[in-house]
PDB file of N, CA and C in Angstrom:
ATOM      1  N   UNK A   1       0.842  -1.184   0.000  1.00  0.00           N
ATOM      2  CA  UNK A   1       0.000   0.000   0.000  1.00  0.00           C
ATOM      3  C   UNK A   1       0.886   1.246   0.000  1.00  0.00           C
ATOM      4  N   UNK A   2       0.475   2.256  -0.736  1.00  0.00           N
ATOM      5  CA  UNK A   2       1.259   3.486  -0.843  1.00  0.00           C
ATOM      6  C   UNK A   2       1.226   4.256   0.469  1.00  0.00           C
ATOM      7  N   UNK A   3       2.302   4.985   0.703  1.00  0.00           N
ATOM      8  CA  UNK A   3       2.400   5.812   1.895  1.00  0.00           C
ATOM      9  C   UNK A   3       1.423   6.986   1.776  1.00  0.00           C
ATOM     10  N   UNK A   4       0.733   7.351   2.868  1.00  0.00           N
ATOM     11  CA  UNK A   4      -0.235   8.452   2.770  1.00  0.00           C
ATOM     12  C   UNK A   4       0.462   9.780   2.487  1.00  0.00           C
ATOM     13  N   UNK A   5      -0.205  10.614   1.702  1.00  0.00           N
ATOM     14  CA  UNK A   5       0.348  11.925   1.368  1.00  0.00           C
ATOM     15  C   UNK A   5       0.174  12.875   2.551  1.00  0.00           C
ATOM     16  N   UNK A   6       0.828  14.017   2.454  1.00  0.00           N
ATOM     17  CA  UNK A   6       0.689  15.029   3.507  1.00  0.00           C
ATOM     18  C   UNK A   6      -0.759  15.486   3.613  1.00  0.00           C
ATOM     19  N   UNK A   7      -1.437  15.566   2.468  1.00  0.00           N
ATOM     20  CA  UNK A   7      -2.830  16.002   2.467  1.00  0.00           C
ATOM     21  C   UNK A   7      -3.713  14.988   3.193  1.00  0.00           C
ATOM     22  N   UNK A   8      -3.464  13.691   2.962  1.00  0.00           N
ATOM     23  CA  UNK A   8      -4.233  12.655   3.659  1.00  0.00           C
ATOM     24  C   UNK A   8      -3.960  12.702   5.159  1.00  0.00           C
ATOM     25  N   UNK A   9      -2.694  12.904   5.525  1.00  0.00           N
ATOM     26  CA  UNK A   9      -2.347  13.023   6.949  1.00  0.00           C
ATOM     27  C   UNK A   9      -3.033  14.228   7.577  1.00  0.00           C
ATOM     28  N   UNK A  10      -3.076  15.331   6.853  1.00  0.00           N
ATOM     29  CA  UNK A  10      -3.748  16.533   7.353  1.00  0.00           C
ATOM     30  C   UNK A  10      -5.236  16.257   7.556  1.00  0.00           C
ATOM     31  N   UNK A  11      -5.849  15.582   6.598  1.00  0.00           N
ATOM     32  CA  UNK A  11      -7.272  15.273   6.705  1.00  0.00           C
ATOM     33  C   UNK A  11      -7.536  14.356   7.901  1.00  0.00           C
ATOM     34  N   UNK A  12      -6.678  13.388   8.114  1.00  0.00           N
ATOM     35  CA  UNK A  12      -6.827  12.499   9.281  1.00  0.00           C
ATOM     36  C   UNK A  12      -6.673  13.275  10.580  1.00  0.00           C
ATOM     37  N   UNK A  13      -5.730  14.209  10.600  1.00  0.00           N
ATOM     38  CA  UNK A  13      -5.543  15.031  11.795  1.00  0.00           C
ATOM     39  C   UNK A  13      -6.804  15.851  12.068  1.00  0.00           C
ATOM     40  N   UNK A  14      -7.389  16.411  10.998  1.00  0.00           N
ATOM     41  CA  UNK A  14      -8.629  17.175  11.163  1.00  0.00           C
ATOM     42  C   UNK A  14      -9.749  16.288  11.708  1.00  0.00           C
ATOM     43  N   UNK A  15      -9.833  15.061  11.220  1.00  0.00           N
ATOM     44  CA  UNK A  15     -10.864  14.143  11.706  1.00  0.00           C
ATOM     45  C   UNK A  15     -10.656  13.818  13.180  1.00  0.00           C
ATOM     46  N   UNK A  16      -9.399  13.710  13.596  1.00  0.00           N
ATOM     47  CA  UNK A  16      -9.100  13.493  15.009  1.00  0.00           C
ATOM     48  C   UNK A  16      -9.533  14.704  15.828  1.00  0.00           C
ATOM     49  N   UNK A  17      -9.232  15.887  15.308  1.00  0.00           N
ATOM     50  CA  UNK A  17      -9.636  17.115  15.995  1.00  0.00           C
ATOM     51  C   UNK A  17     -11.157  17.206  16.099  1.00  0.00           C
ATOM     52  N   UNK A  18     -11.853  16.754  15.055  1.00  0.00           N
ATOM     53  CA  UNK A  18     -13.317  16.772  15.064  1.00  0.00           C
ATOM     54  C   UNK A  18     -13.854  15.873  16.169  1.00  0.00           C
ATOM     55  N   UNK A  19     -13.273  14.702  16.318  1.00  0.00           N
ATOM     56  CA  UNK A  19     -13.744  13.797  17.372  1.00  0.00           C
ATOM     57  C   UNK A  19     -13.461  14.362  18.764  1.00  0.00           C
ATOM     58  N   UNK A  20     -12.435  15.184  18.872  1.00  0.00           N
ATOM     59  CA  UNK A  20     -12.088  15.770  20.167  1.00  0.00           C
ATOM     60  C   UNK A  20     -13.004  16.932  20.550  1.00  0.00           C
ATOM     61  N   UNK A  21     -13.799  17.433  19.615  1.00  0.00           N
ATOM     62  CA  UNK A  21     -14.688  18.550  19.945  1.00  0.00           C
ATOM     63  C   UNK A  21     -15.751  18.146  20.956  1.00  0.00           C
ATOM     64  N   UNK A  22     -16.033  16.863  21.063  1.00  0.00           N
ATOM     65  CA  UNK A  22     -17.045  16.418  22.030  1.00  0.00           C
ATOM     66  C   UNK A  22     -16.619  16.703  23.469  1.00  0.00           C
ATOM     67  N   UNK A  23     -15.331  16.925  23.688  1.00  0.00           N
ATOM     68  CA  UNK A  23     -14.855  17.208  25.047  1.00  0.00           C
ATOM     69  C   UNK A  23     -14.930  18.691  25.403  1.00  0.00           C
ATOM     70  N   UNK A  24     -15.340  19.539  24.470  1.00  0.00           N
ATOM     71  CA  UNK A  24     -15.478  20.972  24.753  1.00  0.00           C
ATOM     72  C   UNK A  24     -16.770  21.176  25.539  1.00  0.00           C
ATOM     73  N   UNK A  25     -16.666  21.784  26.708  1.00  0.00           N
ATOM     74  CA  UNK A  25     -17.813  21.921  27.604  1.00  0.00           C
ATOM     75  C   UNK A  25     -18.839  22.935  27.120  1.00  0.00           C
ATOM     76  N   UNK A  26     -18.387  24.069  26.646  1.00  0.00           N
ATOM     77  CA  UNK A  26     -19.300  25.119  26.207  1.00  0.00           C
ATOM     78  C   UNK A  26     -19.973  24.689  24.899  1.00  0.00           C
ATOM     79  N   UNK A  27     -21.315  24.571  24.884  1.00  0.00           N
ATOM     80  CA  UNK A  27     -21.992  24.087  23.673  1.00  0.00           C
ATOM     81  C   UNK A  27     -21.839  25.023  22.468  1.00  0.00           C
ATOM     82  N   UNK A  28     -21.769  26.298  22.708  1.00  0.00           N
ATOM     83  CA  UNK A  28     -21.611  27.254  21.605  1.00  0.00           C
ATOM     84  C   UNK A  28     -20.216  27.127  21.007  1.00  0.00           C
ATOM     85  N   UNK A  29     -19.208  27.054  21.868  1.00  0.00           N
ATOM     86  CA  UNK A  29     -17.829  26.897  21.403  1.00  0.00           C
ATOM     87  C   UNK A  29     -17.639  25.544  20.726  1.00  0.00           C
ATOM     88  N   UNK A  30     -18.259  24.488  21.284  1.00  0.00           N
ATOM     89  CA  UNK A  30     -18.163  23.150  20.693  1.00  0.00           C
ATOM     90  C   UNK A  30     -18.735  23.149  19.269  1.00  0.00           C
ATOM     91  N   UNK A  31     -19.896  23.764  19.086  1.00  0.00           N
ATOM     92  CA  UNK A  31     -20.526  23.817  17.760  1.00  0.00           C
ATOM     93  C   UNK A  31     -19.710  24.672  16.794  1.00  0.00           C
ATOM     94  N   UNK A  32     -19.180  25.801  17.277  1.00  0.00           N
ATOM     95  CA  UNK A  32     -18.356  26.664  16.432  1.00  0.00           C
ATOM     96  C   UNK A  32     -17.117  25.914  15.942  1.00  0.00           C
ATOM     97  N   UNK A  33     -16.463  25.220  16.855  1.00  0.00           N
ATOM     98  CA  UNK A  33     -15.250  24.476  16.492  1.00  0.00           C
ATOM     99  C   UNK A  33     -15.575  23.316  15.551  1.00  0.00           C
ATOM    100  N   UNK A  34     -16.699  22.626  15.808  1.00  0.00           N
ATOM    101  CA  UNK A  34     -17.109  21.515  14.955  1.00  0.00           C
ATOM    102  C   UNK A  34     -17.353  21.995  13.529  1.00  0.00           C
ATOM    103  N   UNK A  35     -18.056  23.110  13.377  1.00  0.00           N
ATOM    104  CA  UNK A  35     -18.320  23.666  12.047  1.00  0.00           C
ATOM    105  C   UNK A  35     -17.026  24.089  11.356  1.00  0.00           C
ATOM    106  N   UNK A  36     -16.129  24.669  12.125  1.00  0.00           N
ATOM    107  CA  UNK A  36     -14.841  25.101  11.576  1.00  0.00           C
ATOM    108  C   UNK A  36     -14.051  23.907  11.036  1.00  0.00           C
ATOM    109  N   UNK A  37     -13.986  22.838  11.802  1.00  0.00           N
ATOM    110  CA  UNK A  37     -13.220  21.660  11.387  1.00  0.00           C
ATOM    111  C   UNK A  37     -13.905  20.948  10.226  1.00  0.00           C
ATOM    112  N   UNK A  38     -15.229  20.831  10.257  1.00  0.00           N
ATOM    113  CA  UNK A  38     -15.943  20.195   9.146  1.00  0.00           C
ATOM    114  C   UNK A  38     -15.721  20.961   7.848  1.00  0.00           C
ATOM    115  N   UNK A  39     -15.701  22.277   7.943  1.00  0.00           N
ATOM    116  CA  UNK A  39     -15.439  23.102   6.761  1.00  0.00           C
ATOM    117  C   UNK A  39     -14.031  22.851   6.230  1.00  0.00           C
ATOM    118  N   UNK A  40     -13.064  22.754   7.129  1.00  0.00           N
ATOM    119  CA  UNK A  40     -11.680  22.491   6.720  1.00  0.00           C
ATOM    120  C   UNK A  40     -11.558  21.113   6.069  1.00  0.00           C
ATOM    121  N   UNK A  41     -12.278  20.126   6.590  1.00  0.00           N
ATOM    122  CA  UNK A  41     -12.251  18.783   5.994  1.00  0.00           C
ATOM    123  C   UNK A  41     -12.835  18.819   4.588  1.00  0.00           C
ATOM    124  N   UNK A  42     -13.947  19.541   4.411  1.00  0.00           N
ATOM    125  CA  UNK A  42     -14.544  19.662   3.069  1.00  0.00           C
ATOM    126  C   UNK A  42     -13.573  20.319   2.096  1.00  0.00           C
ATOM    127  N   UNK A  43     -12.875  21.348   2.537  1.00  0.00           N
ATOM    128  CA  UNK A  43     -11.894  22.019   1.677  1.00  0.00           C
ATOM    129  C   UNK A  43     -10.732  21.090   1.340  1.00  0.00           C
ATOM    130  N   UNK A  44     -10.283  20.306   2.304  1.00  0.00           N
ATOM    131  CA  UNK A  44      -9.191  19.358   2.060  1.00  0.00           C
ATOM    132  C   UNK A  44      -9.609  18.315   1.029  1.00  0.00           C
ATOM    133  N   UNK A  45     -10.835  17.817   1.144  1.00  0.00           N
ATOM    134  CA  UNK A  45     -11.337  16.837   0.175  1.00  0.00           C
ATOM    135  C   UNK A  45     -11.436  17.463  -1.206  1.00  0.00           C
ATOM    136  N   UNK A  46     -11.975  18.675  -1.286  1.00  0.00           N
ATOM    137  CA  UNK A  46     -12.098  19.362  -2.581  1.00  0.00           C
ATOM    138  C   UNK A  46     -10.725  19.596  -3.205  1.00  0.00           C
ATOM    139  N   UNK A  47      -9.747  19.951  -2.396  1.00  0.00           N
ATOM    140  CA  UNK A  47      -8.397  20.187  -2.907  1.00  0.00           C
ATOM    141  C   UNK A  47      -7.786  18.895  -3.433  1.00  0.00           C
ATOM    142  N   UNK A  48      -7.928  17.801  -2.685  1.00  0.00           N
ATOM    143  CA  UNK A  48      -7.405  16.505  -3.147  1.00  0.00           C
ATOM    144  C   UNK A  48      -8.062  16.094  -4.455  1.00  0.00           C
ATOM    145  N   UNK A  49      -9.369  16.318  -4.574  1.00  0.00           N
ATOM    146  CA  UNK A  49     -10.070  15.963  -5.811  1.00  0.00           C
ATOM    147  C   UNK A  49      -9.591  16.821  -6.977  1.00  0.00           C
ATOM    148  N   UNK A  50      -9.343  18.104  -6.721  1.00  0.00           N
ATOM    149  CA  UNK A  50      -8.854  18.969  -7.802  1.00  0.00           C
ATOM    150  C   UNK A  50      -7.450  18.557  -8.239  1.00  0.00           C
ATOM    151  N   UNK A  51      -6.622  18.100  -7.297  1.00  0.00           N
ATOM    152  CA  UNK A  51      -5.293  17.605  -7.662  1.00  0.00           C
ATOM    153  C   UNK A  51      -5.393  16.353  -8.528  1.00  0.00           C
ATOM    154  N   UNK A  52      -6.349  15.478  -8.208  1.00  0.00           N
ATOM    155  CA  UNK A  52      -6.548  14.272  -9.017  1.00  0.00           C
ATOM    156  C   UNK A  52      -6.972  14.638 -10.436  1.00  0.00           C
ATOM    157  N   UNK A  53      -7.870  15.609 -10.557  1.00  0.00           N
ATOM    158  CA  UNK A  53      -8.332  16.040 -11.882  1.00  0.00           C
ATOM    159  C   UNK A  53      -7.173  16.629 -12.678  1.00  0.00           C
ATOM    160  N   UNK A  54      -6.370  17.469 -12.038  1.00  0.00           N
ATOM    161  CA  UNK A  54      -5.211  18.049 -12.721  1.00  0.00           C
ATOM    162  C   UNK A  54      -4.243  16.963 -13.171  1.00  0.00           C
ATOM    163  N   UNK A  55      -4.064  15.949 -12.334  1.00  0.00           N
ATOM    164  CA  UNK A  55      -3.166  14.851 -12.690  1.00  0.00           C
ATOM    165  C   UNK A  55      -3.707  14.083 -13.895  1.00  0.00           C
ATOM    166  N   UNK A  56      -5.020  13.841 -13.916  1.00  0.00           N
ATOM    167  CA  UNK A  56      -5.632  13.138 -15.045  1.00  0.00           C
ATOM    168  C   UNK A  56      -5.503  13.939 -16.338  1.00  0.00           C
ATOM    169  N   UNK A  57      -5.584  15.255 -16.217  1.00  0.00           N
ATOM    170  CA  UNK A  57      -5.457  16.123 -17.389  1.00  0.00           C
ATOM    171  C   UNK A  57      -4.003  16.404 -17.740  1.00  0.00           C
ATOM    172  N   UNK A  58      -3.099  15.869 -16.955  1.00  0.00           N
ATOM    173  CA  UNK A  58      -1.661  16.055 -17.130  1.00  0.00           C
ATOM    174  C   UNK A  58      -1.270  17.531 -17.086  1.00  0.00           C
ATOM    175  N   UNK A  59      -1.862  18.225 -16.124  1.00  0.00           N
ATOM    176  CA  UNK A  59      -1.559  19.633 -15.880  1.00  0.00           C
ATOM    177  C   UNK A  59      -0.731  19.699 -14.603  1.00  0.00           C
ATOM    178  N   UNK A  60       0.254  20.575 -14.584  1.00  0.00           N
ATOM    179  CA  UNK A  60       1.096  20.724 -13.392  1.00  0.00           C
ATOM    180  C   UNK A  60       0.249  21.174 -12.210  1.00  0.00           C
ATOM    181  N   UNK A  61       0.413  20.526 -11.054  1.00  0.00           N
ATOM    182  CA  UNK A  61      -0.339  20.939  -9.876  1.00  0.00           C
ATOM    183  C   UNK A  61       0.144  22.292  -9.364  1.00  0.00           C
ATOM    184  N   UNK A  62      -0.705  22.997  -8.605  1.00  0.00           N
ATOM    185  CA  UNK A  62      -0.272  24.278  -8.034  1.00  0.00           C
ATOM    186  C   UNK A  62       0.804  24.047  -6.982  1.00  0.00           C
ATOM    187  N   UNK A  63       1.514  25.098  -6.650  1.00  0.00           N
ATOM    188  CA  UNK A  63       2.532  25.094  -5.601  1.00  0.00           C
ATOM    189  C   UNK A  63       3.728  24.214  -5.937  1.00  0.00           C
ATOM    190  N   UNK A  64       4.042  24.086  -7.216  1.00  0.00           N
ATOM    191  CA  UNK A  64       5.217  23.330  -7.629  1.00  0.00           C
ATOM    192  C   UNK A  64       6.410  24.264  -7.581  1.00  0.00           C
ATOM    193  N   UNK A  65       7.512  23.801  -7.018  1.00  0.00           N
ATOM    194  CA  UNK A  65       8.721  24.617  -6.964  1.00  0.00           C
ATOM    195  C   UNK A  65       9.305  24.739  -8.357  1.00  0.00           C
ATOM    196  N   UNK A  66       9.490  25.960  -8.801  1.00  0.00           N
ATOM    197  CA  UNK A  66      10.078  26.216 -10.107  1.00  0.00           C
ATOM    198  C   UNK A  66      11.253  27.157  -9.941  1.00  0.00           C
ATOM    199  N   UNK A  67      12.058  27.251 -10.978  1.00  0.00           N
ATOM    200  CA  UNK A  67      13.180  28.176 -10.953  1.00  0.00           C
ATOM    201  C   UNK A  67      12.646  29.604 -10.866  1.00  0.00           C
ATOM    202  N   UNK A  68      13.282  30.395 -10.073  1.00  0.00           N
ATOM    203  CA  UNK A  68      12.875  31.780  -9.910  1.00  0.00           C
ATOM    204  C   UNK A  68      13.255  32.589 -11.136  1.00  0.00           C
ATOM    205  N   UNK A  69      12.320  33.410 -11.596  1.00  0.00           N
ATOM    206  CA  UNK A  69      12.609  34.270 -12.734  1.00  0.00           C
ATOM    207  C   UNK A  69      13.049  35.658 -12.276  1.00  0.00           C
ATOM    208  N   UNK A  70      13.167  35.835 -10.976  1.00  0.00           N
ATOM    209  CA  UNK A  70      13.557  37.118 -10.412  1.00  0.00           C
ATOM    210  C   UNK A  70      15.074  37.177 -10.317  1.00  0.00           C
ATOM    211  N   UNK A  71      15.634  38.322 -10.645  1.00  0.00           N
ATOM    212  CA  UNK A  71      17.077  38.518 -10.584  1.00  0.00           C
ATOM    213  C   UNK A  71      17.548  38.423  -9.142  1.00  0.00           C
ATOM    214  N   UNK A  72      18.612  37.695  -8.934  1.00  0.00           N
ATOM    215  CA  UNK A  72      19.194  37.550  -7.614  1.00  0.00           C
ATOM    216  C   UNK A  72      19.923  38.833  -7.238  1.00  0.00           C
ATOM    217  N   UNK A  73      19.798  39.245  -5.992  1.00  0.00           N
ATOM    218  CA  UNK A  73      20.451  40.467  -5.526  1.00  0.00           C
ATOM    219  C   UNK A  73      21.962  40.305  -5.533  1.00  0.00           C
ATOM    220  N   UNK A  74      22.447  39.091  -5.313  1.00  0.00           N
ATOM    221  CA  UNK A  74      23.883  38.877  -5.227  1.00  0.00           C
ATOM    222  C   UNK A  74      24.578  38.890  -6.587  1.00  0.00           C
ATOM    223  N   UNK A  75      23.812  38.939  -7.673  1.00  0.00           N
ATOM    224  CA  UNK A  75      24.435  39.000  -8.990  1.00  0.00           C
ATOM    225  C   UNK A  75      25.177  40.321  -9.141  1.00  0.00           C
ATOM    226  N   UNK A  76      26.357  40.298  -9.740  1.00  0.00           N
ATOM    227  CA  UNK A  76      27.084  41.556  -9.933  1.00  0.00           C
ATOM    228  C   UNK A  76      26.344  42.438 -10.933  1.00  0.00           C
ATOM    229  N   UNK A  77      26.280  43.721 -10.612  1.00  0.00           N
ATOM    230  CA  UNK A  77      25.619  44.644 -11.529  1.00  0.00           C
ATOM    231  C   UNK A  77      26.564  44.960 -12.680  1.00  0.00           C
ATOM    232  N   UNK A  78      25.986  45.318 -13.814  1.00  0.00           N
ATOM    233  CA  UNK A  78      26.793  45.639 -14.983  1.00  0.00           C
ATOM    234  C   UNK A  78      27.439  46.997 -14.777  1.00  0.00           C
ATOM    235  N   UNK A  79      28.732  47.052 -14.998  1.00  0.00           N
ATOM    236  CA  UNK A  79      29.458  48.309 -14.824  1.00  0.00           C
ATOM    237  C   UNK A  79      29.629  48.977 -16.177  1.00  0.00           C
ATOM    238  N   UNK A  80      29.200  50.213 -16.253  1.00  0.00           N
ATOM    239  CA  UNK A  80      29.436  51.011 -17.453  1.00  0.00           C
ATOM    240  C   UNK A  80      30.725  51.770 -17.226  1.00  0.00           C
ATOM    241  N   UNK A  81      31.726  51.536 -18.066  1.00  0.00           N
ATOM    242  CA  UNK A  81      33.046  52.114 -17.844  1.00  0.00           C
ATOM    243  C   UNK A  81      33.033  53.636 -17.865  1.00  0.00           C
ATOM    244  N   UNK A  82      32.140  54.249 -18.631  1.00  0.00           N
ATOM    245  CA  UNK A  82      32.114  55.702 -18.712  1.00  0.00           C
ATOM    246  C   UNK A  82      31.144  56.336 -17.750  1.00  0.00           C
ATOM    247  N   UNK A  83      30.492  55.557 -16.916  1.00  0.00           N
ATOM    248  CA  UNK A  83      29.439  56.082 -16.051  1.00  0.00           C
ATOM    249  C   UNK A  83      29.999  56.462 -14.688  1.00  0.00           C
ATOM    250  N   UNK A  84      29.427  57.499 -14.088  1.00  0.00           N
ATOM    251  CA  UNK A  84      29.818  57.924 -12.751  1.00  0.00           C
ATOM    252  C   UNK A  84      28.917  57.300 -11.687  1.00  0.00           C
ATOM    253  N   UNK A  85      28.010  56.391 -12.064  1.00  0.00           N
ATOM    254  CA  UNK A  85      27.073  55.783 -11.123  1.00  0.00           C
ATOM    255  C   UNK A  85      27.778  54.753 -10.259  1.00  0.00           C
ATOM    256  N   UNK A  86      27.879  55.043  -8.975  1.00  0.00           N
ATOM    257  CA  UNK A  86      28.405  54.094  -8.010  1.00  0.00           C
ATOM    258  C   UNK A  86      27.220  53.505  -7.264  1.00  0.00           C
ATOM    259  N   UNK A  87      27.343  52.250  -6.818  1.00  0.00           N
ATOM    260  CA  UNK A  87      26.261  51.571  -6.124  1.00  0.00           C
ATOM    261  C   UNK A  87      26.669  51.317  -4.676  1.00  0.00           C
ATOM    262  N   UNK A  88      25.712  51.433  -3.789  1.00  0.00           N
ATOM    263  CA  UNK A  88      25.931  51.139  -2.374  1.00  0.00           C
ATOM    264  C   UNK A  88      26.077  49.626  -2.211  1.00  0.00           C
ATOM    265  N   UNK A  89      27.126  49.171  -1.514  1.00  0.00           N
ATOM    266  CA  UNK A  89      27.293  47.729  -1.317  1.00  0.00           C
ATOM    267  C   UNK A  89      26.258  47.139  -0.359  1.00  0.00           C
ATOM    268  N   UNK A  90      25.596  47.983   0.417  1.00  0.00           N
ATOM    269  CA  UNK A  90      24.627  47.507   1.393  1.00  0.00           C
ATOM    270  C   UNK A  90      23.220  47.386   0.810  1.00  0.00           C
ATOM    271  N   UNK A  91      22.737  48.443   0.115  1.00  0.00           N
ATOM    272  CA  UNK A  91      21.355  48.438  -0.376  1.00  0.00           C
ATOM    273  C   UNK A  91      21.251  48.553  -1.885  1.00  0.00           C
ATOM    274  N   UNK A  92      22.369  48.658  -2.597  1.00  0.00           N
ATOM    275  CA  UNK A  92      22.442  48.684  -4.053  1.00  0.00           C
ATOM    276  C   UNK A  92      21.778  49.923  -4.669  1.00  0.00           C
ATOM    277  N   UNK A  93      21.609  50.981  -3.885  1.00  0.00           N
ATOM    278  CA  UNK A  93      21.074  52.215  -4.465  1.00  0.00           C
ATOM    279  C   UNK A  93      22.233  53.057  -5.005  1.00  0.00           C
ATOM    280  N   UNK A  94      21.906  54.040  -5.835  1.00  0.00           N
ATOM    281  CA  UNK A  94      22.948  54.892  -6.413  1.00  0.00           C
ATOM    282  C   UNK A  94      23.559  55.786  -5.341  1.00  0.00           C
ATOM    283  N   UNK A  95      24.881  55.922  -5.394  1.00  0.00           N
ATOM    284  CA  UNK A  95      25.596  56.772  -4.446  1.00  0.00           C
ATOM    285  C   UNK A  95      25.967  58.088  -5.112  1.00  0.00           C
ATOM    286  N   UNK A  96      25.922  59.139  -4.338  1.00  0.00           N
ATOM    287  CA  UNK A  96      26.403  60.440  -4.789  1.00  0.00           C
ATOM    288  C   UNK A  96      27.860  60.529  -4.344  1.00  0.00           C
ATOM    289  N   UNK A  97      28.775  60.672  -5.299  1.00  0.00           N
ATOM    290  CA  UNK A  97      30.203  60.666  -4.978  1.00  0.00           C
ATOM    291  C   UNK A  97      30.582  61.785  -4.017  1.00  0.00           C
ATOM    292  N   UNK A  98      29.896  62.901  -4.074  1.00  0.00           N
ATOM    293  CA  UNK A  98      30.246  64.048  -3.245  1.00  0.00           C
ATOM    294  C   UNK A  98      29.948  63.821  -1.761  1.00  0.00           C
ATOM    295  N   UNK A  99      28.960  63.002  -1.438  1.00  0.00           N
ATOM    296  CA  UNK A  99      28.543  62.844  -0.048  1.00  0.00           C
ATOM    297  C   UNK A  99      29.427  61.897   0.750  1.00  0.00           C
ATOM    298  N   UNK A 100      29.848  60.803   0.173  1.00  0.00           N
ATOM    299  CA  UNK A 100      30.670  59.847   0.900  1.00  0.00           C
ATOM    300  C   UNK A 100      29.862  58.848   1.714  1.00  0.00           C
ATOM    301  N   UNK A 101      28.534  58.877   1.608  1.00  0.00           N
ATOM    302  CA  UNK A 101      27.687  57.892   2.275  1.00  0.00           C
ATOM    303  C   UNK A 101      26.403  57.725   1.469  1.00  0.00           C
ATOM    304  N   UNK A 102      25.701  56.627   1.738  1.00  0.00           N
ATOM    305  CA  UNK A 102      24.454  56.327   1.032  1.00  0.00           C
ATOM    306  C   UNK A 102      23.316  57.120   1.663  1.00  0.00           C
ATOM    307  N   UNK A 103      22.555  57.819   0.847  1.00  0.00           N
ATOM    308  CA  UNK A 103      21.435  58.614   1.364  1.00  0.00           C
ATOM    309  C   UNK A 103      20.237  57.744   1.728  1.00  0.00           C
ATOM    310  N   UNK A 104      20.234  56.486   1.310  1.00  0.00           N
ATOM    311  CA  UNK A 104      19.121  55.586   1.611  1.00  0.00           C
ATOM    312  C   UNK A 104      19.338  54.858   2.934  1.00  0.00           C
ATOM    313  N   UNK A 105      20.525  54.221   3.089  1.00  0.00           N
ATOM    314  CA  UNK A 105      20.748  53.396   4.281  1.00  0.00           C
ATOM    315  C   UNK A 105      21.824  53.949   5.214  1.00  0.00           C
ATOM    316  N   UNK A 106      22.582  54.954   4.772  1.00  0.00           N
ATOM    317  CA  UNK A 106      23.603  55.557   5.624  1.00  0.00           C
ATOM    318  C   UNK A 106      24.958  54.877   5.577  1.00  0.00           C
ATOM    319  N   UNK A 107      25.105  53.848   4.770  1.00  0.00           N
ATOM    320  CA  UNK A 107      26.384  53.127   4.640  1.00  0.00           C
ATOM    321  C   UNK A 107      27.454  54.082   4.124  1.00  0.00           C
ATOM    322  N   UNK A 108      28.636  54.060   4.763  1.00  0.00           N
ATOM    323  CA  UNK A 108      29.741  54.905   4.294  1.00  0.00           C
ATOM    324  C   UNK A 108      30.392  54.260   3.092  1.00  0.00           C
ATOM    325  N   UNK A 109      30.739  55.081   2.114  1.00  0.00           N
ATOM    326  CA  UNK A 109      31.386  54.539   0.909  1.00  0.00           C
ATOM    327  C   UNK A 109      32.885  54.723   0.964  1.00  0.00           C
TER     328      UNK A 109
END
């Protein structure tokens, strides 16, 4: 038998929590918590079913880790040899050569 997925484990945990609501003394709080957990179980079931449908359609499921298309901050910036634009090593904003410090973060140049 296949190992249960995280989603199945979560659903089982919710079902355990639902059974524990009977120990809540306050009837209003007990009913509120029961409705909250039942709603979460319904959402978990709907999510699992949607993942199955996506798998059948051979569509990538949501929340898949992909390569970031955002530029990394640690990448070296392109230096223009004729440009007077200096960059702050701390916050990467433009430095004014006359000041000797960054006007954004205060880093000394």
